[in-house]
Amino acid sequence: MTKFTKRLLVSLTFLFLPFLIQTQVTTSSITGTVKNSKNKPLARASIKAIHIPSGSVYNILMQPDGRYTISNMRVGGPYKVEISYVGYNPEVFNDLNLELGTPLNLNAVLVENTKTLSEVTVSGARNFLINNERNGAATQISQVQLQSLPTINRNLDDYTRLVFVNK
């Protein structure tokens, strides 16, 4: 082979390499925005997609700018998508089908669901294990344990082993 032939083969290989190494897409995705009735994005809205035949569940929280993307989803369907946010009526989309490699654009506008509460009762109970006297983990070592513990050179490490033994 001549130098010209070798260079030509190398050049052709690099020219056609992107076409030879195409990745195969085997999934799909859902993208979109979630806004309120005033056209403001609802940051951290919850999006849940359920692939009905398999029961696969995809959960995601929306980005602060109002957009979301659920990627690597099974192709086909039907899917049920639930979009919810505290203080708003949830939005449910049924019978959605996903195409291979093509994201489904699903935008939602949630309507406020405000309720006036007449009374709120807060109750509590005292936990006797947690009090002002106990702040954090503690291990008590008695004088008998200190005297009977085997030690080579009376190092503090010999005594700290009791912390893990007593748990």
Foldseek 3Di string as FASTA:
>chain_A
DDPVVVVVVVVVCVVCVVVVPDDFFQWEKAKEFEEAPVRQGDFQKWKWKAFVVVRDIFIDTAHRRGMDMGIRHHAFGDMWMWTGDPQWDIDIDTGDGHHTPYYHYDYYYTYGDDDDDPDDDDDDDDDPVDDPVDDDDDDDDDPVNLVPQDDDPPDVVSVCVVVVVVD
